[in-house]
């Protein structure tokens, strides 16, 4: 069984946003275990910002093995998402929403090296496609 995952973001589904569905893949990172200080497991729960590419994953996300711990980790990711969202201006949110993208080119540059691949954006958006194709093969910034 493969660790690769394909999905789409239900929060950005057409019936909610009036835009196309977004297809993305996770688990495609190569060589991440070799980066010891990264402390990131793309196959464990995490969340990320589609605008700037910030990623959030805690030790609890990587080790949760009971329903209670999984729920606790999920609540932490939701709280981080809410708090992180406030770091972007209303204009940034509007521009992103109006773009119809799953992620910005800036986010693609940071997320693709972690194995988070915006397939639909690469097919339909030249800027995101270019950012994804020219992104570094290994992460260059520490995670949030």
C-alpha atoms as a PDB file:
ATOM      1  CA  UNK A   1       0.000   0.000   0.000  1.00  0.00           C
ATOM      2  CA  UNK A   2       1.351   3.403  -0.968  1.00  0.00           C
ATOM      3  CA  UNK A   3       1.840   6.307   1.409  1.00  0.00           C
ATOM      4  CA  UNK A   4       0.909   8.724  -1.373  1.00  0.00           C
ATOM      5  CA  UNK A   5      -2.407  10.477  -0.954  1.00  0.00           C
ATOM      6  CA  UNK A   6      -4.535  12.257  -3.503  1.00  0.00           C
ATOM      7  CA  UNK A   7      -7.323  14.520  -2.394  1.00  0.00           C
ATOM      8  CA  UNK A   8      -9.131  17.702  -2.881  1.00  0.00           C
ATOM      9  CA  UNK A   9      -9.854  20.469  -0.447  1.00  0.00           C
ATOM     10  CA  UNK A  10     -13.579  20.327   0.462  1.00  0.00           C
ATOM     11  CA  UNK A  11     -13.407  23.819   1.942  1.00  0.00           C
ATOM     12  CA  UNK A  12     -12.640  25.128  -1.523  1.00  0.00           C
ATOM     13  CA  UNK A  13     -15.182  22.919  -3.319  1.00  0.00           C
ATOM     14  CA  UNK A  14     -17.153  24.639  -6.118  1.00  0.00           C
ATOM     15  CA  UNK A  15     -20.415  24.609  -4.212  1.00  0.00           C
ATOM     16  CA  UNK A  16     -18.727  26.591  -1.425  1.00  0.00           C
ATOM     17  CA  UNK A  17     -16.574  28.981  -3.429  1.00  0.00           C
ATOM     18  CA  UNK A  18     -18.075  29.079  -6.906  1.00  0.00           C
ATOM     19  CA  UNK A  19     -14.708  27.853  -8.248  1.00  0.00           C
ATOM     20  CA  UNK A  20     -13.246  24.638  -9.641  1.00  0.00           C
ATOM     21  CA  UNK A  21     -12.245  21.717  -7.453  1.00  0.00           C
ATOM     22  CA  UNK A  22      -8.587  21.452  -6.489  1.00  0.00           C
ATOM     23  CA  UNK A  23      -6.636  18.242  -6.797  1.00  0.00           C
ATOM     24  CA  UNK A  24      -3.428  17.843  -4.810  1.00  0.00           C
ATOM     25  CA  UNK A  25      -1.104  15.023  -3.780  1.00  0.00           C
ATOM     26  CA  UNK A  26       0.808  14.501  -0.528  1.00  0.00           C
ATOM     27  CA  UNK A  27       3.449  11.964   0.410  1.00  0.00           C
ATOM     28  CA  UNK A  28       5.584  12.588  -2.673  1.00  0.00           C
ATOM     29  CA  UNK A  29       8.635  13.935  -0.824  1.00  0.00           C
ATOM     30  CA  UNK A  30      11.921  12.192  -1.484  1.00  0.00           C
ATOM     31  CA  UNK A  31      14.732  12.233   1.068  1.00  0.00           C
ATOM     32  CA  UNK A  32      12.949  14.125   3.837  1.00  0.00           C
ATOM     33  CA  UNK A  33      14.033  11.676   6.578  1.00  0.00           C
ATOM     34  CA  UNK A  34      17.635  12.695   5.790  1.00  0.00           C
ATOM     35  CA  UNK A  35      16.876  16.234   6.989  1.00  0.00           C
ATOM     36  CA  UNK A  36      16.963  15.585  10.739  1.00  0.00           C
ATOM     37  CA  UNK A  37      16.183  19.128  11.887  1.00  0.00           C
ATOM     38  CA  UNK A  38      13.091  19.243   9.694  1.00  0.00           C
ATOM     39  CA  UNK A  39      10.968  17.134  12.082  1.00  0.00           C
ATOM     40  CA  UNK A  40       8.262  16.707   9.439  1.00  0.00           C
ATOM     41  CA  UNK A  41       6.444  13.563   8.370  1.00  0.00           C
ATOM     42  CA  UNK A  42       4.326  14.213   5.294  1.00  0.00           C
ATOM     43  CA  UNK A  43       2.430  10.976   5.989  1.00  0.00           C
ATOM     44  CA  UNK A  44       1.206  12.198   9.387  1.00  0.00           C
ATOM     45  CA  UNK A  45      -1.438  14.904   9.927  1.00  0.00           C
ATOM     46  CA  UNK A  46      -0.315  18.461   9.272  1.00  0.00           C
ATOM     47  CA  UNK A  47      -1.777  21.694   8.027  1.00  0.00           C
ATOM     48  CA  UNK A  48      -0.404  24.431   5.828  1.00  0.00           C
ATOM     49  CA  UNK A  49      -1.125  27.921   4.570  1.00  0.00           C
ATOM     50  CA  UNK A  50      -2.162  28.067   0.923  1.00  0.00           C
ATOM     51  CA  UNK A  51      -1.098  31.733   0.779  1.00  0.00           C
ATOM     52  CA  UNK A  52       2.460  31.734   2.189  1.00  0.00           C
ATOM     53  CA  UNK A  53       3.317  28.038   2.489  1.00  0.00           C
ATOM     54  CA  UNK A  54       3.834  27.951   6.262  1.00  0.00           C
ATOM     55  CA  UNK A  55       3.487  24.399   7.609  1.00  0.00           C
ATOM     56  CA  UNK A  56       2.380  23.295  11.065  1.00  0.00           C
ATOM     57  CA  UNK A  57       2.958  19.840  12.532  1.00  0.00           C
ATOM     58  CA  UNK A  58       3.680  19.065  16.170  1.00  0.00           C
ATOM     59  CA  UNK A  59       5.245  16.075  17.880  1.00  0.00           C
ATOM     60  CA  UNK A  60       1.692  15.153  18.894  1.00  0.00           C
ATOM     61  CA  UNK A  61       0.648  15.087  15.219  1.00  0.00           C
ATOM     62  CA  UNK A  62       3.522  12.711  14.487  1.00  0.00           C
ATOM     63  CA  UNK A  63       2.871  10.369  17.421  1.00  0.00           C
ATOM     64  CA  UNK A  64      -0.865  10.480  18.274  1.00  0.00           C
ATOM     65  CA  UNK A  65      -2.132   6.916  18.554  1.00  0.00           C
ATOM     66  CA  UNK A  66      -5.425   7.186  20.438  1.00  0.00           C
ATOM     67  CA  UNK A  67      -8.675   8.872  19.487  1.00  0.00           C
ATOM     68  CA  UNK A  68      -8.230  11.450  22.246  1.00  0.00           C
ATOM     69  CA  UNK A  69      -4.695  12.379  21.150  1.00  0.00           C
ATOM     70  CA  UNK A  70      -5.742  12.532  17.495  1.00  0.00           C
ATOM     71  CA  UNK A  71      -8.596  14.893  18.438  1.00  0.00           C
ATOM     72  CA  UNK A  72      -6.271  17.008  20.573  1.00  0.00           C
ATOM     73  CA  UNK A  73      -3.774  17.282  17.700  1.00  0.00           C
ATOM     74  CA  UNK A  74      -6.559  18.151  15.245  1.00  0.00           C
ATOM     75  CA  UNK A  75      -7.784  20.939  17.523  1.00  0.00           C
ATOM     76  CA  UNK A  76      -4.228  22.300  17.711  1.00  0.00           C
ATOM     77  CA  UNK A  77      -3.977  22.386  13.922  1.00  0.00           C
ATOM     78  CA  UNK A  78      -7.339  24.140  13.642  1.00  0.00           C
ATOM     79  CA  UNK A  79      -6.251  26.738  16.209  1.00  0.00           C
ATOM     80  CA  UNK A  80      -2.972  27.313  14.375  1.00  0.00           C
ATOM     81  CA  UNK A  81      -4.846  27.727  11.076  1.00  0.00           C
ATOM     82  CA  UNK A  82      -7.182  30.277  12.619  1.00  0.00           C
ATOM     83  CA  UNK A  83      -4.355  32.239  14.255  1.00  0.00           C
ATOM     84  CA  UNK A  84      -2.122  32.038  11.175  1.00  0.00           C
ATOM     85  CA  UNK A  85      -4.950  33.204   8.926  1.00  0.00           C
ATOM     86  CA  UNK A  86      -4.978  36.472  10.866  1.00  0.00           C
ATOM     87  CA  UNK A  87      -1.361  37.141   9.833  1.00  0.00           C
ATOM     88  CA  UNK A  88      -2.545  37.742   6.262  1.00  0.00           C
ATOM     89  CA  UNK A  89      -4.424  40.895   5.328  1.00  0.00           C
ATOM     90  CA  UNK A  90      -8.005  40.931   4.082  1.00  0.00           C
ATOM     91  CA  UNK A  91      -6.632  41.950   0.681  1.00  0.00           C
ATOM     92  CA  UNK A  92      -4.332  38.896   0.594  1.00  0.00           C
ATOM     93  CA  UNK A  93      -7.268  36.628   1.420  1.00  0.00           C
ATOM     94  CA  UNK A  94      -9.460  38.262  -1.221  1.00  0.00           C
ATOM     95  CA  UNK A  95      -6.765  38.141  -3.896  1.00  0.00           C
ATOM     96  CA  UNK A  96      -6.105  34.483  -3.118  1.00  0.00           C
ATOM     97  CA  UNK A  97      -9.793  33.589  -3.140  1.00  0.00           C
ATOM     98  CA  UNK A  98     -10.328  35.472  -6.419  1.00  0.00           C
ATOM     99  CA  UNK A  99      -7.329  33.761  -8.040  1.00  0.00           C
ATOM    100  CA  UNK A 100      -9.040  30.361  -8.036  1.00  0.00           C
ATOM    101  CA  UNK A 101      -5.751  28.737  -7.073  1.00  0.00           C
ATOM    102  CA  UNK A 102      -5.267  25.981  -4.517  1.00  0.00           C
ATOM    103  CA  UNK A 103      -2.028  27.677  -3.464  1.00  0.00           C
ATOM    104  CA  UNK A 104      -0.015  30.721  -4.459  1.00  0.00           C
ATOM    105  CA  UNK A 105       3.297  30.410  -6.302  1.00  0.00           C
ATOM    106  CA  UNK A 106       5.059  31.447  -3.057  1.00  0.00           C
ATOM    107  CA  UNK A 107       3.332  28.610  -1.187  1.00  0.00           C
ATOM    108  CA  UNK A 108       4.174  26.120  -3.957  1.00  0.00           C
ATOM    109  CA  UNK A 109       7.864  27.001  -3.635  1.00  0.00           C
ATOM    110  CA  UNK A 110       7.756  25.988   0.044  1.00  0.00           C
ATOM    111  CA  UNK A 111       5.255  23.108  -0.073  1.00  0.00           C
ATOM    112  CA  UNK A 112       6.428  21.146  -3.120  1.00  0.00           C
ATOM    113  CA  UNK A 113       9.751  20.224  -1.434  1.00  0.00           C
ATOM    114  CA  UNK A 114       7.648  18.752   1.393  1.00  0.00           C
ATOM    115  CA  UNK A 115       5.780  16.545  -1.065  1.00  0.00           C
ATOM    116  CA  UNK A 116       2.581  18.631  -1.184  1.00  0.00           C
ATOM    117  CA  UNK A 117       1.939  18.924  -4.914  1.00  0.00           C
ATOM    118  CA  UNK A 118      -0.818  21.191  -6.347  1.00  0.00           C
ATOM    119  CA  UNK A 119      -1.749  19.102  -9.401  1.00  0.00           C
ATOM    120  CA  UNK A 120      -4.719  21.182 -10.546  1.00  0.00           C
ATOM    121  CA  UNK A 121      -2.771  24.439 -10.204  1.00  0.00           C
ATOM    122  CA  UNK A 122       0.114  22.974 -12.190  1.00  0.00           C
ATOM    123  CA  UNK A 123      -2.285  22.107 -14.992  1.00  0.00           C
ATOM    124  CA  UNK A 124      -4.205  25.382 -15.065  1.00  0.00           C
ATOM    125  CA  UNK A 125      -1.872  28.080 -13.721  1.00  0.00           C
ATOM    126  CA  UNK A 126       1.469  28.831 -15.369  1.00  0.00           C
ATOM    127  CA  UNK A 127       2.845  30.784 -12.396  1.00  0.00           C
ATOM    128  CA  UNK A 128       2.164  28.010  -9.887  1.00  0.00           C
ATOM    129  CA  UNK A 129       3.429  25.411 -12.341  1.00  0.00           C
ATOM    130  CA  UNK A 130       6.693  27.345 -12.772  1.00  0.00           C
ATOM    131  CA  UNK A 131       7.058  27.816  -8.994  1.00  0.00           C
ATOM    132  CA  UNK A 132       6.466  24.097  -8.387  1.00  0.00           C
ATOM    133  CA  UNK A 133       8.889  23.007 -11.101  1.00  0.00           C
ATOM    134  CA  UNK A 134      11.660  25.343  -9.936  1.00  0.00           C
ATOM    135  CA  UNK A 135      11.135  24.839  -6.186  1.00  0.00           C
ATOM    136  CA  UNK A 136      14.168  23.543  -4.276  1.00  0.00           C
ATOM    137  CA  UNK A 137      14.274  19.757  -3.932  1.00  0.00           C
ATOM    138  CA  UNK A 138      14.691  20.087  -0.157  1.00  0.00           C
ATOM    139  CA  UNK A 139      13.023  22.540   2.254  1.00  0.00           C
ATOM    140  CA  UNK A 140      15.043  25.693   2.843  1.00  0.00           C
ATOM    141  CA  UNK A 141      13.164  27.104   5.855  1.00  0.00           C
ATOM    142  CA  UNK A 142      12.320  25.590   9.249  1.00  0.00           C
ATOM    143  CA  UNK A 143       8.667  24.726   9.839  1.00  0.00           C
ATOM    144  CA  UNK A 144       6.358  26.800  12.042  1.00  0.00           C
END
